[in-house]
C-alpha atoms as a PDB file:
ATOM      1  CA  VAL A   1       4.618 -13.130  -8.371  1.00  0.00           C
ATOM      2  CA  ARG A   2       1.261 -14.215  -9.233  1.00  0.00           C
ATOM      3  CA  TYR A   3      -1.386 -12.951  -8.328  1.00  0.00           C
ATOM      4  CA  ILE A   4      -5.362 -12.237  -9.646  1.00  0.00           C
ATOM      5  CA  SER A   5      -6.874  -9.491 -10.233  1.00  0.00           C
ATOM      6  CA  ASN A   6      -8.873  -7.079 -13.757  1.00  0.00           C
ATOM      7  CA  ARG A   7      -7.738  -6.269 -15.631  1.00  0.00           C
ATOM      8  CA  SER A   8      -7.711  -2.283 -16.500  1.00  0.00           C
ATOM      9  CA  SER A   9      -4.980  -0.569 -18.137  1.00  0.00           C
ATOM     10  CA  GLY A  10      -7.182   2.366 -15.844  1.00  0.00           C
ATOM     11  CA  LYS A  11      -7.535   4.724 -18.961  1.00  0.00           C
ATOM     12  CA  MET A  12     -11.289   6.099 -18.220  1.00  0.00           C
ATOM     13  CA  GLY A  13     -10.499   6.565 -15.161  1.00  0.00           C
ATOM     14  CA  TYR A  14      -7.565   9.563 -14.988  1.00  0.00           C
ATOM     15  CA  ALA A  15      -9.994  11.140 -17.914  1.00  0.00           C
ATOM     16  CA  ILE A  16     -12.457  11.082 -16.130  1.00  0.00           C
ATOM     17  CA  ALA A  17     -10.731  13.075 -12.828  1.00  0.00           C
ATOM     18  CA  GLU A  18      -8.253  14.585 -15.493  1.00  0.00           C
ATOM     19  CA  ALA A  19     -11.790  15.869 -17.613  1.00  0.00           C
ATOM     20  CA  ALA A  20     -13.080  17.003 -13.688  1.00  0.00           C
ATOM     21  CA  ARG A  21     -10.150  18.687 -13.204  1.00  0.00           C
ATOM     22  CA  ARG A  22      -9.751  21.123 -16.824  1.00  0.00           C
ATOM     23  CA  ARG A  23     -13.251  22.009 -15.236  1.00  0.00           C
ATOM     24  CA  GLY A  24     -12.521  23.377 -11.423  1.00  0.00           C
ATOM     25  CA  ALA A  25     -13.910  20.648  -9.779  1.00  0.00           C
ATOM     26  CA  SER A  26     -11.727  18.997  -6.469  1.00  0.00           C
ATOM     27  CA  VAL A  27     -11.131  15.757  -7.793  1.00  0.00           C
ATOM     28  CA  THR A  28     -10.215  12.937  -4.755  1.00  0.00           C
ATOM     29  CA  LEU A  29      -8.812  10.209  -7.877  1.00  0.00           C
ATOM     30  CA  VAL A  30      -9.225   6.603  -5.504  1.00  0.00           C
ATOM     31  CA  SER A  31      -7.002   4.182  -7.679  1.00  0.00           C
ATOM     32  CA  GLY A  32      -5.300   0.819  -7.897  1.00  0.00           C
ATOM     33  CA  PRO A  33      -0.998   0.431  -9.717  1.00  0.00           C
ATOM     34  CA  VAL A  34      -1.507   1.870 -12.967  1.00  0.00           C
ATOM     35  CA  SER A  35       2.083   3.080 -14.810  1.00  0.00           C
ATOM     36  CA  ILE A  36      -0.104   6.179 -16.014  1.00  0.00           C
ATOM     37  CA  ALA A  37       0.604   9.753 -13.743  1.00  0.00           C
ATOM     38  CA  ALA A  38      -2.406  12.134 -12.770  1.00  0.00           C
ATOM     39  CA  ALA A  39      -2.360  15.195 -14.200  1.00  0.00           C
ATOM     40  CA  THR A  40      -1.549  18.173 -11.724  1.00  0.00           C
ATOM     41  CA  GLY A  41      -3.999  19.533  -8.955  1.00  0.00           C
ATOM     42  CA  VAL A  42      -5.636  15.850  -8.494  1.00  0.00           C
ATOM     43  CA  ASP A  43      -5.342  14.228  -4.896  1.00  0.00           C
ATOM     44  CA  VAL A  44      -4.560  10.421  -5.313  1.00  0.00           C
ATOM     45  CA  VAL A  45      -5.467   7.875  -3.499  1.00  0.00           C
ATOM     46  CA  PRO A  46      -3.106   5.183  -3.937  1.00  0.00           C
ATOM     47  CA  VAL A  47      -4.653   1.666  -3.153  1.00  0.00           C
ATOM     48  CA  GLU A  48      -4.115  -1.961  -3.990  1.00  0.00           C
ATOM     49  CA  SER A  49      -6.613  -4.134  -2.847  1.00  0.00           C
ATOM     50  CA  ALA A  50     -10.514  -3.997  -2.388  1.00  0.00           C
ATOM     51  CA  ALA A  51     -10.888  -4.035   0.858  1.00  0.00           C
ATOM     52  CA  GLU A  52      -8.416  -0.821   0.191  1.00  0.00           C
ATOM     53  CA  MET A  53     -10.651   0.656  -2.448  1.00  0.00           C
ATOM     54  CA  LYS A  54     -13.898   0.026  -0.367  1.00  0.00           C
ATOM     55  CA  ALA A  55     -12.665   1.903   2.832  1.00  0.00           C
ATOM     56  CA  ALA A  56     -11.105   4.899   0.007  1.00  0.00           C
ATOM     57  CA  MET A  57     -13.788   5.299  -1.434  1.00  0.00           C
ATOM     58  CA  GLU A  58     -16.308   5.024   1.419  1.00  0.00           C
ATOM     59  CA  THR A  59     -13.913   8.633   3.238  1.00  0.00           C
ATOM     60  CA  ALA A  60     -13.905  10.431  -0.355  1.00  0.00           C
ATOM     61  CA  LEU A  61     -18.061  10.361  -0.360  1.00  0.00           C
ATOM     62  CA  ALA A  62     -18.407  12.001   3.105  1.00  0.00           C
ATOM     63  CA  THR A  63     -17.287  14.815   0.710  1.00  0.00           C
ATOM     64  CA  ALA A  64     -18.351  14.317  -2.897  1.00  0.00           C
ATOM     65  CA  ASP A  65     -20.449  15.815  -5.245  1.00  0.00           C
ATOM     66  CA  ILE A  66     -20.721  13.925  -7.706  1.00  0.00           C
ATOM     67  CA  VAL A  67     -18.476   9.562  -7.505  1.00  0.00           C
ATOM     68  CA  VAL A  68     -17.675   8.020 -11.413  1.00  0.00           C
ATOM     69  CA  MET A  69     -16.735   4.739 -10.230  1.00  0.00           C
ATOM     70  CA  CYS A  70     -15.017   3.540 -13.370  1.00  0.00           C
ATOM     71  CA  ALA A  71     -12.438   0.469 -11.272  1.00  0.00           C
ATOM     72  CA  ALA A  72     -12.478  -2.685 -12.511  1.00  0.00           C
ATOM     73  CA  VAL A  73     -12.209  -4.257  -8.643  1.00  0.00           C
ATOM     74  CA  ALA A  74     -11.439  -7.409  -8.956  1.00  0.00           C
ATOM     75  CA  ASP A  75     -14.968 -10.104  -7.762  1.00  0.00           C
ATOM     76  CA  TYR A  76     -12.664 -12.485  -6.161  1.00  0.00           C
ATOM     77  CA  ARG A  77     -10.016 -12.617  -4.595  1.00  0.00           C
ATOM     78  CA  VAL A  78      -8.056 -15.769  -2.833  1.00  0.00           C
ATOM     79  CA  MET A  79      -8.915 -16.786   0.942  1.00  0.00           C
ATOM     80  CA  GLU A  80      -6.011 -17.585   2.303  1.00  0.00           C
ATOM     81  CA  PRO A  81      -2.765 -15.775   0.705  1.00  0.00           C
ATOM     82  CA  ALA A  82       0.723 -17.006   0.176  1.00  0.00           C
ATOM     83  CA  GLU A  83       3.070 -15.749   2.760  1.00  0.00           C
ATOM     84  CA  ARG A  84       6.076 -17.188   0.139  1.00  0.00           C
ATOM     85  CA  LYS A  85       5.890 -17.730  -3.087  1.00  0.00           C
ATOM     86  CA  ILE A  86       4.156 -20.838  -3.912  1.00  0.00           C
ATOM     87  CA  LYS A  87       6.473 -22.955  -5.870  1.00  0.00           C
ATOM     88  CA  LYS A  88       5.869 -25.117  -8.707  1.00  0.00           C
ATOM     89  CA  THR A  89       5.916 -29.017  -6.884  1.00  0.00           C
ATOM     90  CA  ALA A  90       2.780 -30.489  -7.976  1.00  0.00           C
ATOM     91  CA  GLU A  91       1.177 -31.415 -11.397  1.00  0.00           C
ATOM     92  CA  ASP A  92      -2.496 -29.462  -9.777  1.00  0.00           C
ATOM     93  CA  LEU A  93      -3.251 -26.565  -8.349  1.00  0.00           C
ATOM     94  CA  SER A  94      -6.524 -25.770  -5.909  1.00  0.00           C
ATOM     95  CA  LEU A  95      -7.227 -22.005  -4.522  1.00  0.00           C
ATOM     96  CA  LYS A  96     -10.010 -21.424  -2.890  1.00  0.00           C
ATOM     97  CA  LEU A  97     -11.634 -17.940  -3.682  1.00  0.00           C
ATOM     98  CA  VAL A  98     -14.341 -15.460  -2.055  1.00  0.00           C
ATOM     99  CA  ARG A  99     -16.158 -12.714  -2.573  1.00  0.00           C
ATOM    100  CA  ASN A 100     -14.695  -9.627  -2.410  1.00  0.00           C
ATOM    101  CA  PRO A 101     -17.328  -6.682  -1.594  1.00  0.00           C
ATOM    102  CA  ASP A 102     -19.392  -4.389  -3.689  1.00  0.00           C
ATOM    103  CA  ILE A 103     -18.603  -0.836  -2.949  1.00  0.00           C
ATOM    104  CA  LEU A 104     -20.815   0.516  -5.426  1.00  0.00           C
ATOM    105  CA  GLU A 105     -23.354  -1.250  -4.075  1.00  0.00           C
ATOM    106  CA  GLY A 106     -22.582   0.106  -0.819  1.00  0.00           C
ATOM    107  CA  LEU A 107     -21.992   3.263  -2.004  1.00  0.00           C
ATOM    108  CA  GLY A 108     -25.689   3.195  -3.965  1.00  0.00           C
ATOM    109  CA  ARG A 109     -26.830   2.471  -0.032  1.00  0.00           C
ATOM    110  CA  ALA A 110     -24.648   5.286   1.644  1.00  0.00           C
ATOM    111  CA  LYS A 111     -24.839   7.928  -0.203  1.00  0.00           C
ATOM    112  CA  SER A 112     -27.947  10.611   0.710  1.00  0.00           C
ATOM    113  CA  SER A 113     -30.387  12.520  -1.588  1.00  0.00           C
ATOM    114  CA  ARG A 114     -28.035  15.498  -3.249  1.00  0.00           C
ATOM    115  CA  GLN A 115     -25.459  12.844  -4.407  1.00  0.00           C
ATOM    116  CA  ILE A 116     -24.741  11.684  -8.218  1.00  0.00           C
ATOM    117  CA  LEU A 117     -23.460   8.457  -8.573  1.00  0.00           C
ATOM    118  CA  VAL A 118     -22.665   6.727 -12.345  1.00  0.00           C
ATOM    119  CA  GLY A 119     -21.649   3.375 -12.368  1.00  0.00           C
ATOM    120  CA  PHE A 120     -19.889   1.190 -15.105  1.00  0.00           C
ATOM    121  CA  ALA A 121     -20.780  -1.968 -17.298  1.00  0.00           C
ATOM    122  CA  ALA A 122     -17.916  -3.663 -18.735  1.00  0.00           C
ATOM    123  CA  GLU A 123     -20.215  -6.402 -20.883  1.00  0.00           C
ATOM    124  CA  THR A 124     -18.913  -8.621 -23.696  1.00  0.00           C
ATOM    125  CA  HIS A 125     -21.852  -8.958 -24.255  1.00  0.00           C
ATOM    126  CA  ASP A 126     -26.473  -7.821 -23.675  1.00  0.00           C
ATOM    127  CA  VAL A 127     -24.581  -4.966 -23.099  1.00  0.00           C
ATOM    128  CA  VAL A 128     -27.121  -2.677 -22.255  1.00  0.00           C
ATOM    129  CA  ALA A 129     -29.189  -5.119 -20.447  1.00  0.00           C
ATOM    130  CA  TYR A 130     -26.504  -5.466 -17.639  1.00  0.00           C
ATOM    131  CA  ALA A 131     -26.055  -2.510 -17.313  1.00  0.00           C
ATOM    132  CA  ALA A 132     -30.022  -1.262 -16.830  1.00  0.00           C
ATOM    133  CA  GLU A 133     -30.559  -4.102 -14.059  1.00  0.00           C
ATOM    134  CA  LYS A 134     -26.861  -2.599 -12.300  1.00  0.00           C
ATOM    135  CA  LEU A 135     -28.485   0.301 -12.642  1.00  0.00           C
ATOM    136  CA  ARG A 136     -31.243  -0.107 -10.170  1.00  0.00           C
ATOM    137  CA  ARG A 137     -29.490  -3.199  -8.754  1.00  0.00           C
ATOM    138  CA  LYS A 138     -26.861  -0.236  -6.991  1.00  0.00           C
ATOM    139  CA  ASN A 139     -29.301   2.736  -7.044  1.00  0.00           C
ATOM    140  CA  ALA A 140     -26.185   4.757  -9.267  1.00  0.00           C
ATOM    141  CA  ASP A 141     -28.151   7.772 -11.045  1.00  0.00           C
ATOM    142  CA  LEU A 142     -26.073   6.663 -14.617  1.00  0.00           C
ATOM    143  CA  PHE A 143     -24.552   3.472 -15.584  1.00  0.00           C
ATOM    144  CA  VAL A 144     -22.320   4.066 -18.466  1.00  0.00           C
ATOM    145  CA  ALA A 145     -22.052   0.665 -20.532  1.00  0.00           C
ATOM    146  CA  ASN A 146     -19.162  -0.183 -22.282  1.00  0.00           C
ATOM    147  CA  ASP A 147     -18.400  -3.173 -24.616  1.00  0.00           C
ATOM    148  CA  VAL A 148     -15.400  -5.098 -24.052  1.00  0.00           C
ATOM    149  CA  SER A 149     -15.528  -7.517 -26.111  1.00  0.00           C
ATOM    150  CA  ARG A 150     -14.023  -4.941 -28.722  1.00  0.00           C
ATOM    151  CA  GLY A 151     -10.799  -4.486 -29.728  1.00  0.00           C
ATOM    152  CA  ASP A 152     -10.581  -0.650 -30.523  1.00  0.00           C
ATOM    153  CA  ILE A 153     -12.828   0.118 -27.762  1.00  0.00           C
ATOM    154  CA  GLY A 154     -12.259   0.140 -23.863  1.00  0.00           C
ATOM    155  CA  PHE A 155      -9.243  -1.387 -22.412  1.00  0.00           C
ATOM    156  CA  GLY A 156      -5.982  -0.284 -22.944  1.00  0.00           C
ATOM    157  CA  ALA A 157      -7.460   1.038 -25.770  1.00  0.00           C
ATOM    158  CA  GLU A 158      -7.248   5.728 -25.998  1.00  0.00           C
ATOM    159  CA  GLU A 159     -10.644   5.490 -27.781  1.00  0.00           C
ATOM    160  CA  ASN A 160     -14.198   4.291 -26.239  1.00  0.00           C
ATOM    161  CA  GLU A 161     -17.475   3.775 -26.848  1.00  0.00           C
ATOM    162  CA  VAL A 162     -20.234   3.988 -24.382  1.00  0.00           C
ATOM    163  CA  GLN A 163     -23.654   4.598 -23.877  1.00  0.00           C
ATOM    164  CA  LEU A 164     -25.189   5.627 -21.384  1.00  0.00           C
ATOM    165  CA  LEU A 165     -27.911   5.140 -19.210  1.00  0.00           C
ATOM    166  CA  PHE A 166     -30.210   6.827 -16.205  1.00  0.00           C
ATOM    167  CA  ALA A 167     -32.621   5.741 -13.425  1.00  0.00           C
ATOM    168  CA  ASP A 168     -36.049   7.618 -15.746  1.00  0.00           C
ATOM    169  CA  GLY A 169     -35.044   4.677 -18.392  1.00  0.00           C
ATOM    170  CA  ALA A 170     -33.405   7.361 -21.088  1.00  0.00           C
ATOM    171  CA  THR A 171     -30.339   6.413 -22.522  1.00  0.00           C
ATOM    172  CA  ARG A 172     -28.120   7.460 -25.013  1.00  0.00           C
ATOM    173  CA  LYS A 173     -24.744   6.336 -26.893  1.00  0.00           C
ATOM    174  CA  ILE A 174     -22.431   8.681 -27.297  1.00  0.00           C
ATOM    175  CA  GLU A 175     -20.206   7.771 -30.015  1.00  0.00           C
ATOM    176  CA  LYS A 176     -16.684   6.870 -30.450  1.00  0.00           C
ATOM    177  CA  ALA A 177     -13.915   9.466 -29.322  1.00  0.00           C
ATOM    178  CA  SER A 178     -10.816   9.858 -26.937  1.00  0.00           C
ATOM    179  CA  LYS A 179     -11.712   9.062 -23.110  1.00  0.00           C
ATOM    180  CA  ILE A 180     -10.627  12.482 -22.319  1.00  0.00           C
ATOM    181  CA  ARG A 181     -13.743  13.326 -24.921  1.00  0.00           C
ATOM    182  CA  ILE A 182     -15.684  10.526 -23.698  1.00  0.00           C
ATOM    183  CA  ALA A 183     -15.186  11.741 -20.173  1.00  0.00           C
ATOM    184  CA  SER A 184     -16.689  14.875 -21.143  1.00  0.00           C
ATOM    185  CA  ALA A 185     -19.319  13.441 -21.567  1.00  0.00           C
ATOM    186  CA  ILE A 186     -20.451  11.745 -18.772  1.00  0.00           C
ATOM    187  CA  LEU A 187     -19.267  14.456 -16.488  1.00  0.00           C
ATOM    188  CA  ASP A 188     -22.093  16.380 -18.763  1.00  0.00           C
ATOM    189  CA  ALA A 189     -24.875  14.072 -17.765  1.00  0.00           C
ATOM    190  CA  ALA A 190     -23.734  13.544 -14.325  1.00  0.00           C
ATOM    191  CA  ARG A 191     -23.481  17.604 -13.810  1.00  0.00           C
ATOM    192  CA  ASP A 192     -26.381  18.314 -15.510  1.00  0.00           C
ATOM    193  CA  LEU A 193     -28.604  15.983 -13.193  1.00  0.00           C
ATOM    194  CA  HIS A 194     -26.950  16.648  -9.531  1.00  0.00           C
ATOM    195  CA  GLN A 195     -27.875  20.338 -11.223  1.00  0.00           C
ATOM    196  CA  ALA A 196     -31.266  19.429 -11.604  1.00  0.00           C
ATOM    197  CA  ARG A 197     -32.109  17.890  -7.921  1.00  0.00           C
ATOM    198  CA  SER A 198     -29.423  20.530  -5.819  1.00  0.00           C
ATOM    199  CA  ALA A 199     -32.214  22.665  -7.631  1.00  0.00           C
ATOM    200  CA  THR A 200     -35.883  20.654  -6.496  1.00  0.00           C
ATOM    201  CA  ALA A 201     -33.634  20.316  -3.214  1.00  0.00           C
END
């Protein structure tokens, strides 16, 4: 089967879901196909396409206090998927790609003033600068800048190291640690933002 996708093991997203469950949160995990199992007590919503993920996230947003978006959603999809296997006959093959909807940006427009939206920026260079631009453009409250050029962290690895960027311009580095510990630090920051917003509401 031939397909176009973005590389992702799902480990970071599943670690965040597990860390939230340990805190007693009611957790909905919208997940693409991965080879790891979610923890007991987590409501898993399986999806296979960006369109399915968009619909599931819009539904989940309605009842969420904190939304963490770390899925590696493909930026593009094939305009005309083949119904049958494409046989190897021609020397060249061209596929026309069209942009997928930006799910995080849509949630940023739709979220209420009481909700906290956390995004991820997986970058190979100028990591913090790109994350800061996305934070502003997508109306998020917190962005996690993730350097995926390193082989010892990020994609498929058991550990990660990230920078947290806040809407007020503050930043915080989370040193290299297991993904469950990184997840806990992200949730600490999101919880603090939610509590501060609730106190002033």
